[in-house]
Amino acid sequence: MNFESNITQLETIIDELEKGSQTLDEIVAKYKQGMDLACACTNMLKDAEQEIRIFEDGKMQAYQGREAIGN
């Protein structure tokens, strides 16, 4: 999934949780799903930030992801 899709799905989960009509098990499952999406979004933002930093630093190398860069 892409960042925008994850954010849209996360917003839907938040709306559902705010309604408060779910069982405890459903709330926990939605919470876990939301946390997974939030983590995925955070990682996507970190990747984008690192890619921009590489460009800003004038490094002309292929972007390999956070693991290859050491983050």
C-alpha atoms as a PDB file:
ATOM      1  CA  MET A   1       0.000   0.000   0.000  1.00  0.00           C
ATOM      2  CA  ASN A   2       1.045   3.573  -0.432  1.00  0.00           C
ATOM      3  CA  PHE A   3       1.168   6.323   2.171  1.00  0.00           C
ATOM      4  CA  GLU A   4      -2.101   7.943   1.172  1.00  0.00           C
ATOM      5  CA  SER A   5      -4.000   4.637   1.261  1.00  0.00           C
ATOM      6  CA  ASN A   6      -2.588   3.863   4.691  1.00  0.00           C
ATOM      7  CA  ILE A   7      -3.608   7.274   6.025  1.00  0.00           C
ATOM      8  CA  THR A   8      -7.129   6.893   4.632  1.00  0.00           C
ATOM      9  CA  GLN A   9      -7.459   3.458   6.202  1.00  0.00           C
ATOM     10  CA  LEU A  10      -6.087   4.771   9.504  1.00  0.00           C
ATOM     11  CA  GLU A  11      -8.628   7.617   9.489  1.00  0.00           C
ATOM     12  CA  THR A  12     -11.412   5.091   8.932  1.00  0.00           C
ATOM     13  CA  ILE A  13     -10.223   3.040  11.904  1.00  0.00           C
ATOM     14  CA  ILE A  14     -10.100   6.134  14.095  1.00  0.00           C
ATOM     15  CA  ASP A  15     -13.645   7.072  13.076  1.00  0.00           C
ATOM     16  CA  GLU A  16     -14.851   3.546  13.881  1.00  0.00           C
ATOM     17  CA  LEU A  17     -13.157   3.560  17.274  1.00  0.00           C
ATOM     18  CA  GLU A  18     -14.562   6.970  18.137  1.00  0.00           C
ATOM     19  CA  LYS A  19     -18.100   5.680  17.578  1.00  0.00           C
ATOM     20  CA  GLY A  20     -17.557   3.281  20.465  1.00  0.00           C
ATOM     21  CA  SER A  21     -19.991   0.628  19.279  1.00  0.00           C
ATOM     22  CA  GLN A  22     -17.534  -2.271  19.043  1.00  0.00           C
ATOM     23  CA  THR A  23     -16.807  -5.068  21.444  1.00  0.00           C
ATOM     24  CA  LEU A  24     -13.550  -5.081  23.357  1.00  0.00           C
ATOM     25  CA  ASP A  25     -12.097  -7.712  21.020  1.00  0.00           C
ATOM     26  CA  GLU A  26     -13.016  -5.596  17.987  1.00  0.00           C
ATOM     27  CA  ILE A  27     -11.492  -2.505  19.587  1.00  0.00           C
ATOM     28  CA  VAL A  28      -8.236  -4.323  20.317  1.00  0.00           C
ATOM     29  CA  ALA A  29      -8.080  -5.705  16.770  1.00  0.00           C
ATOM     30  CA  LYS A  30      -8.732  -2.255  15.268  1.00  0.00           C
ATOM     31  CA  TYR A  31      -6.151  -0.701  17.582  1.00  0.00           C
ATOM     32  CA  LYS A  32      -3.516  -3.226  16.473  1.00  0.00           C
ATOM     33  CA  GLN A  33      -4.399  -2.651  12.822  1.00  0.00           C
ATOM     34  CA  GLY A  34      -4.165   1.097  13.341  1.00  0.00           C
ATOM     35  CA  MET A  35      -0.784   0.813  15.030  1.00  0.00           C
ATOM     36  CA  ASP A  36       0.532  -1.307  12.158  1.00  0.00           C
ATOM     37  CA  LEU A  37      -0.652   1.317   9.677  1.00  0.00           C
ATOM     38  CA  ALA A  38       0.815   4.153  11.744  1.00  0.00           C
ATOM     39  CA  CYS A  39       4.178   2.363  11.896  1.00  0.00           C
ATOM     40  CA  ALA A  40       4.109   1.749   8.156  1.00  0.00           C
ATOM     41  CA  CYS A  41       3.396   5.449   7.542  1.00  0.00           C
ATOM     42  CA  THR A  42       6.205   6.477   9.878  1.00  0.00           C
ATOM     43  CA  ASN A  43       8.630   4.214   8.023  1.00  0.00           C
ATOM     44  CA  MET A  44       7.505   5.615   4.664  1.00  0.00           C
ATOM     45  CA  LEU A  45       8.074   9.155   5.925  1.00  0.00           C
ATOM     46  CA  LYS A  46      11.525   8.249   7.260  1.00  0.00           C
ATOM     47  CA  ASP A  47      12.425   6.687   3.900  1.00  0.00           C
ATOM     48  CA  ALA A  48      11.272   9.797   2.046  1.00  0.00           C
ATOM     49  CA  GLU A  49      13.165  12.055   4.440  1.00  0.00           C
ATOM     50  CA  GLN A  50      16.362  10.037   3.996  1.00  0.00           C
ATOM     51  CA  GLU A  51      15.973  10.054   0.224  1.00  0.00           C
ATOM     52  CA  ILE A  52      15.612  13.825   0.280  1.00  0.00           C
ATOM     53  CA  ARG A  53      18.652  14.165   2.535  1.00  0.00           C
ATOM     54  CA  ILE A  54      20.703  12.094   0.122  1.00  0.00           C
ATOM     55  CA  PHE A  55      19.664  14.394  -2.704  1.00  0.00           C
ATOM     56  CA  GLU A  56      20.264  17.526  -0.648  1.00  0.00           C
ATOM     57  CA  ASP A  57      23.709  16.308   0.356  1.00  0.00           C
ATOM     58  CA  GLY A  58      24.557  15.955  -3.322  1.00  0.00           C
ATOM     59  CA  LYS A  59      25.202  12.250  -3.114  1.00  0.00           C
ATOM     60  CA  MET A  60      24.557  10.690  -6.472  1.00  0.00           C
ATOM     61  CA  GLN A  61      23.942   7.137  -5.334  1.00  0.00           C
ATOM     62  CA  ALA A  62      20.963   4.854  -5.590  1.00  0.00           C
ATOM     63  CA  TYR A  63      18.722   4.954  -2.541  1.00  0.00           C
ATOM     64  CA  GLN A  64      18.893   1.603  -0.754  1.00  0.00           C
ATOM     65  CA  GLY A  65      16.543   2.189   2.183  1.00  0.00           C
ATOM     66  CA  ARG A  66      17.218   2.892   5.845  1.00  0.00           C
ATOM     67  CA  GLU A  67      18.998  -0.410   6.474  1.00  0.00           C
ATOM     68  CA  ALA A  68      21.681   0.256   3.866  1.00  0.00           C
ATOM     69  CA  ILE A  69      22.222   3.771   5.137  1.00  0.00           C
ATOM     70  CA  GLY A  70      22.485   2.749   8.744  1.00  0.00           C
ATOM     71  CA  ASN A  71      19.280   4.125  10.291  1.00  0.00           C
END
